[in-house]
Amino acid sequence: MNKRTTLVIGALAGMTAVALGAFGAHALKARLVAAGRLDTYNLAVEYQFYHPPAFWG
């Protein structure tokens, strides 16, 4: 992969992480709390935040 492709993939992964975090914090929070899955969702979003630096590293 060239540098531009790596940058674009990392940026998309970062944008996805931010969008999923915001969606979970606002739109899904009540459902996740009711299902007892808020911690699981937060952990998944946290792991998603680790991917962009991995693409750039």
PDB file of N, CA and C in Angstrom:
ATOM      1  N   MET A   1       0.848  -1.187   0.000  1.00  0.00           N
ATOM      2  CA  MET A   1       0.000   0.000   0.000  1.00  0.00           C
ATOM      3  C   MET A   1       0.886   1.241   0.000  1.00  0.00           C
ATOM      4  N   ASN A   2       0.436   2.246  -0.701  1.00  0.00           N
ATOM      5  CA  ASN A   2       1.196   3.490  -0.681  1.00  0.00           C
ATOM      6  C   ASN A   2       0.751   4.351   0.504  1.00  0.00           C
ATOM      7  N   LYS A   3       1.463   5.451   0.718  1.00  0.00           N
ATOM      8  CA  LYS A   3       1.202   6.294   1.890  1.00  0.00           C
ATOM      9  C   LYS A   3      -0.191   6.917   1.863  1.00  0.00           C
ATOM     10  N   ARG A   4      -0.638   7.311   0.695  1.00  0.00           N
ATOM     11  CA  ARG A   4      -1.961   7.947   0.601  1.00  0.00           C
ATOM     12  C   ARG A   4      -3.067   6.964   0.971  1.00  0.00           C
ATOM     13  N   THR A   5      -2.989   5.758   0.472  1.00  0.00           N
ATOM     14  CA  THR A   5      -3.991   4.739   0.787  1.00  0.00           C
ATOM     15  C   THR A   5      -4.013   4.454   2.280  1.00  0.00           C
ATOM     16  N   THR A   6      -2.827   4.342   2.869  1.00  0.00           N
ATOM     17  CA  THR A   6      -2.729   4.094   4.301  1.00  0.00           C
ATOM     18  C   THR A   6      -3.343   5.247   5.095  1.00  0.00           C
ATOM     19  N   LEU A   7      -3.080   6.467   4.664  1.00  0.00           N
ATOM     20  CA  LEU A   7      -3.641   7.637   5.333  1.00  0.00           C
ATOM     21  C   LEU A   7      -5.163   7.649   5.235  1.00  0.00           C
ATOM     22  N   VAL A   8      -5.690   7.353   4.071  1.00  0.00           N
ATOM     23  CA  VAL A   8      -7.144   7.354   3.861  1.00  0.00           C
ATOM     24  C   VAL A   8      -7.812   6.262   4.692  1.00  0.00           C
ATOM     25  N   ILE A   9      -7.253   5.070   4.697  1.00  0.00           N
ATOM     26  CA  ILE A   9      -7.839   3.974   5.482  1.00  0.00           C
ATOM     27  C   ILE A   9      -7.804   4.307   6.968  1.00  0.00           C
ATOM     28  N   GLY A  10      -6.694   4.856   7.435  1.00  0.00           N
ATOM     29  CA  GLY A  10      -6.601   5.253   8.838  1.00  0.00           C
ATOM     30  C   GLY A  10      -7.593   6.348   9.197  1.00  0.00           C
ATOM     31  N   ALA A  11      -7.751   7.317   8.299  1.00  0.00           N
ATOM     32  CA  ALA A  11      -8.711   8.395   8.543  1.00  0.00           C
ATOM     33  C   ALA A  11     -10.138   7.865   8.593  1.00  0.00           C
ATOM     34  N   LEU A  12     -10.469   6.956   7.696  1.00  0.00           N
ATOM     35  CA  LEU A  12     -11.814   6.360   7.706  1.00  0.00           C
ATOM     36  C   LEU A  12     -12.049   5.548   8.978  1.00  0.00           C
ATOM     37  N   ALA A  13     -11.035   4.830   9.424  1.00  0.00           N
ATOM     38  CA  ALA A  13     -11.168   4.072  10.670  1.00  0.00           C
ATOM     39  C   ALA A  13     -11.365   5.018  11.855  1.00  0.00           C
ATOM     40  N   GLY A  14     -10.653   6.139  11.858  1.00  0.00           N
ATOM     41  CA  GLY A  14     -10.822   7.130  12.923  1.00  0.00           C
ATOM     42  C   GLY A  14     -12.194   7.773  12.904  1.00  0.00           C
ATOM     43  N   MET A  15     -12.669   8.109  11.718  1.00  0.00           N
ATOM     44  CA  MET A  15     -14.010   8.699  11.601  1.00  0.00           C
ATOM     45  C   MET A  15     -15.079   7.706  12.047  1.00  0.00           C
ATOM     46  N   THR A  16     -14.886   6.446  11.716  1.00  0.00           N
ATOM     47  CA  THR A  16     -15.825   5.408  12.143  1.00  0.00           C
ATOM     48  C   THR A  16     -15.851   5.302  13.659  1.00  0.00           C
ATOM     49  N   ALA A  17     -14.683   5.360  14.280  1.00  0.00           N
ATOM     50  CA  ALA A  17     -14.613   5.273  15.739  1.00  0.00           C
ATOM     51  C   ALA A  17     -15.352   6.433  16.398  1.00  0.00           C
ATOM     52  N   VAL A  18     -15.139   7.630  15.889  1.00  0.00           N
ATOM     53  CA  VAL A  18     -15.813   8.805  16.452  1.00  0.00           C
ATOM     54  C   VAL A  18     -17.321   8.701  16.252  1.00  0.00           C
ATOM     55  N   ALA A  19     -17.747   8.305  15.062  1.00  0.00           N
ATOM     56  CA  ALA A  19     -19.179   8.186  14.774  1.00  0.00           C
ATOM     57  C   ALA A  19     -19.837   7.118  15.644  1.00  0.00           C
ATOM     58  N   LEU A  20     -19.184   5.971  15.788  1.00  0.00           N
ATOM     59  CA  LEU A  20     -19.748   4.909  16.629  1.00  0.00           C
ATOM     60  C   LEU A  20     -19.806   5.330  18.093  1.00  0.00           C
ATOM     61  N   GLY A  21     -18.785   6.037  18.556  1.00  0.00           N
ATOM     62  CA  GLY A  21     -18.794   6.520  19.936  1.00  0.00           C
ATOM     63  C   GLY A  21     -19.926   7.504  20.187  1.00  0.00           C
ATOM     64  N   ALA A  22     -20.108   8.437  19.269  1.00  0.00           N
ATOM     65  CA  ALA A  22     -21.183   9.421  19.415  1.00  0.00           C
ATOM     66  C   ALA A  22     -22.554   8.764  19.314  1.00  0.00           C
ATOM     67  N   PHE A  23     -22.700   7.842  18.377  1.00  0.00           N
ATOM     68  CA  PHE A  23     -23.974   7.147  18.208  1.00  0.00           C
ATOM     69  C   PHE A  23     -24.323   6.343  19.461  1.00  0.00           C
ATOM     70  N   GLY A  24     -23.341   5.672  20.022  1.00  0.00           N
ATOM     71  CA  GLY A  24     -23.580   4.892  21.233  1.00  0.00           C
ATOM     72  C   GLY A  24     -23.874   5.764  22.441  1.00  0.00           C
ATOM     73  N   ALA A  25     -23.205   6.911  22.523  1.00  0.00           N
ATOM     74  CA  ALA A  25     -23.393   7.795  23.668  1.00  0.00           C
ATOM     75  C   ALA A  25     -24.732   8.520  23.639  1.00  0.00           C
ATOM     76  N   HIS A  26     -25.276   8.726  22.460  1.00  0.00           N
ATOM     77  CA  HIS A  26     -26.501   9.514  22.364  1.00  0.00           C
ATOM     78  C   HIS A  26     -27.716   8.694  21.931  1.00  0.00           C
ATOM     79  N   ALA A  27     -27.618   8.012  20.820  1.00  0.00           N
ATOM     80  CA  ALA A  27     -28.786   7.322  20.264  1.00  0.00           C
ATOM     81  C   ALA A  27     -29.024   5.948  20.880  1.00  0.00           C
ATOM     82  N   LEU A  28     -27.963   5.248  21.228  1.00  0.00           N
ATOM     83  CA  LEU A  28     -28.122   3.870  21.701  1.00  0.00           C
ATOM     84  C   LEU A  28     -27.997   3.696  23.209  1.00  0.00           C
ATOM     85  N   LYS A  29     -27.647   4.739  23.928  1.00  0.00           N
ATOM     86  CA  LYS A  29     -27.317   4.586  25.345  1.00  0.00           C
ATOM     87  C   LYS A  29     -28.424   3.903  26.143  1.00  0.00           C
ATOM     88  N   ALA A  30     -29.648   4.336  25.990  1.00  0.00           N
ATOM     89  CA  ALA A  30     -30.748   3.748  26.768  1.00  0.00           C
ATOM     90  C   ALA A  30     -30.911   2.261  26.453  1.00  0.00           C
ATOM     91  N   ARG A  31     -30.812   1.907  25.187  1.00  0.00           N
ATOM     92  CA  ARG A  31     -30.944   0.493  24.801  1.00  0.00           C
ATOM     93  C   ARG A  31     -29.782  -0.341  25.321  1.00  0.00           C
ATOM     94  N   LEU A  32     -28.579   0.221  25.250  1.00  0.00           N
ATOM     95  CA  LEU A  32     -27.408  -0.519  25.725  1.00  0.00           C
ATOM     96  C   LEU A  32     -27.445  -0.714  27.236  1.00  0.00           C
ATOM     97  N   VAL A  33     -27.882   0.305  27.961  1.00  0.00           N
ATOM     98  CA  VAL A  33     -27.999   0.183  29.416  1.00  0.00           C
ATOM     99  C   VAL A  33     -29.059  -0.849  29.767  1.00  0.00           C
ATOM    100  N   ALA A  34     -30.198  -0.807  29.090  1.00  0.00           N
ATOM    101  CA  ALA A  34     -31.279  -1.760  29.362  1.00  0.00           C
ATOM    102  C   ALA A  34     -30.847  -3.194  29.078  1.00  0.00           C
ATOM    103  N   ALA A  35     -30.007  -3.372  28.067  1.00  0.00           N
ATOM    104  CA  ALA A  35     -29.539  -4.714  27.714  1.00  0.00           C
ATOM    105  C   ALA A  35     -28.306  -5.121  28.518  1.00  0.00           C
ATOM    106  N   GLY A  36     -27.765  -4.197  29.309  1.00  0.00           N
ATOM    107  CA  GLY A  36     -26.567  -4.493  30.084  1.00  0.00           C
ATOM    108  C   GLY A  36     -25.317  -4.605  29.224  1.00  0.00           C
ATOM    109  N   ARG A  37     -25.301  -3.918  28.096  1.00  0.00           N
ATOM    110  CA  ARG A  37     -24.194  -4.031  27.144  1.00  0.00           C
ATOM    111  C   ARG A  37     -23.418  -2.729  26.937  1.00  0.00           C
ATOM    112  N   LEU A  38     -23.630  -1.744  27.782  1.00  0.00           N
ATOM    113  CA  LEU A  38     -22.949  -0.466  27.591  1.00  0.00           C
ATOM    114  C   LEU A  38     -21.435  -0.624  27.706  1.00  0.00           C
ATOM    115  N   ASP A  39     -20.961  -1.371  28.694  1.00  0.00           N
ATOM    116  CA  ASP A  39     -19.520  -1.574  28.854  1.00  0.00           C
ATOM    117  C   ASP A  39     -18.920  -2.295  27.654  1.00  0.00           C
ATOM    118  N   THR A  40     -19.633  -3.276  27.138  1.00  0.00           N
ATOM    119  CA  THR A  40     -19.156  -4.015  25.969  1.00  0.00           C
ATOM    120  C   THR A  40     -19.047  -3.093  24.763  1.00  0.00           C
ATOM    121  N   TYR A  41     -20.046  -2.258  24.561  1.00  0.00           N
ATOM    122  CA  TYR A  41     -20.037  -1.327  23.430  1.00  0.00           C
ATOM    123  C   TYR A  41     -18.894  -0.326  23.573  1.00  0.00           C
ATOM    124  N   ASN A  42     -18.727   0.211  24.778  1.00  0.00           N
ATOM    125  CA  ASN A  42     -17.652   1.173  24.999  1.00  0.00           C
ATOM    126  C   ASN A  42     -16.282   0.551  24.741  1.00  0.00           C
ATOM    127  N   LEU A  43     -16.101  -0.694  25.148  1.00  0.00           N
ATOM    128  CA  LEU A  43     -14.836  -1.382  24.901  1.00  0.00           C
ATOM    129  C   LEU A  43     -14.605  -1.584  23.404  1.00  0.00           C
ATOM    130  N   ALA A  44     -15.652  -1.944  22.681  1.00  0.00           N
ATOM    131  CA  ALA A  44     -15.527  -2.125  21.231  1.00  0.00           C
ATOM    132  C   ALA A  44     -15.153  -0.815  20.546  1.00  0.00           C
ATOM    133  N   VAL A  45     -15.752   0.276  20.972  1.00  0.00           N
ATOM    134  CA  VAL A  45     -15.421   1.583  20.392  1.00  0.00           C
ATOM    135  C   VAL A  45     -13.983   1.964  20.747  1.00  0.00           C
ATOM    136  N   GLU A  46     -13.576   1.671  21.974  1.00  0.00           N
ATOM    137  CA  GLU A  46     -12.193   1.952  22.372  1.00  0.00           C
ATOM    138  C   GLU A  46     -11.206   1.189  21.485  1.00  0.00           C
ATOM    139  N   TYR A  47     -11.482  -0.073  21.236  1.00  0.00           N
ATOM    140  CA  TYR A  47     -10.621  -0.866  20.357  1.00  0.00           C
ATOM    141  C   TYR A  47     -10.602  -0.292  18.943  1.00  0.00           C
ATOM    142  N   GLN A  48     -11.726   0.238  18.493  1.00  0.00           N
ATOM    143  CA  GLN A  48     -11.774   0.839  17.160  1.00  0.00           C
ATOM    144  C   GLN A  48     -10.841   2.046  17.081  1.00  0.00           C
ATOM    145  N   PHE A  49     -10.665   2.756  18.192  1.00  0.00           N
ATOM    146  CA  PHE A  49      -9.764   3.908  18.211  1.00  0.00           C
ATOM    147  C   PHE A  49      -8.298   3.502  18.084  1.00  0.00           C
ATOM    148  N   TYR A  50      -7.969   2.246  18.342  1.00  0.00           N
ATOM    149  CA  TYR A  50      -6.583   1.782  18.217  1.00  0.00           C
ATOM    150  C   TYR A  50      -6.195   1.500  16.767  1.00  0.00           C
ATOM    151  N   HIS A  51      -7.134   1.354  15.880  1.00  0.00           N
ATOM    152  CA  HIS A  51      -6.832   0.976  14.504  1.00  0.00           C
ATOM    153  C   HIS A  51      -6.157   2.073  13.672  1.00  0.00           C
ATOM    154  N   PRO A  52      -6.578   3.323  13.738  1.00  0.00           N
ATOM    155  CA  PRO A  52      -5.908   4.329  12.898  1.00  0.00           C
ATOM    156  C   PRO A  52      -4.398   4.418  13.123  1.00  0.00           C
ATOM    157  N   PRO A  53      -3.904   4.488  14.364  1.00  0.00           N
ATOM    158  CA  PRO A  53      -2.441   4.516  14.528  1.00  0.00           C
ATOM    159  C   PRO A  53      -1.765   3.237  14.026  1.00  0.00           C
ATOM    160  N   ALA A  54      -2.469   2.127  14.074  1.00  0.00           N
ATOM    161  CA  ALA A  54      -1.894   0.879  13.563  1.00  0.00           C
ATOM    162  C   ALA A  54      -1.700   0.953  12.048  1.00  0.00           C
ATOM    163  N   PHE A  55      -2.619   1.601  11.349  1.00  0.00           N
ATOM    164  CA  PHE A  55      -2.456   1.778   9.908  1.00  0.00           C
ATOM    165  C   PHE A  55      -1.273   2.692   9.601  1.00  0.00           C
ATOM    166  N   TRP A  56      -1.079   3.698  10.422  1.00  0.00           N
ATOM    167  CA  TRP A  56      -0.031   4.675  10.157  1.00  0.00           C
ATOM    168  C   TRP A  56       1.333   4.230  10.669  1.00  0.00           C
ATOM    169  N   GLY A  57       1.352   3.229  11.559  1.00  0.00           N
ATOM    170  CA  GLY A  57       2.603   2.795  12.199  1.00  0.00           C
ATOM    171  C   GLY A  57       3.502   1.982  11.382  1.00  0.00           C
TER     172      GLY A  57
END
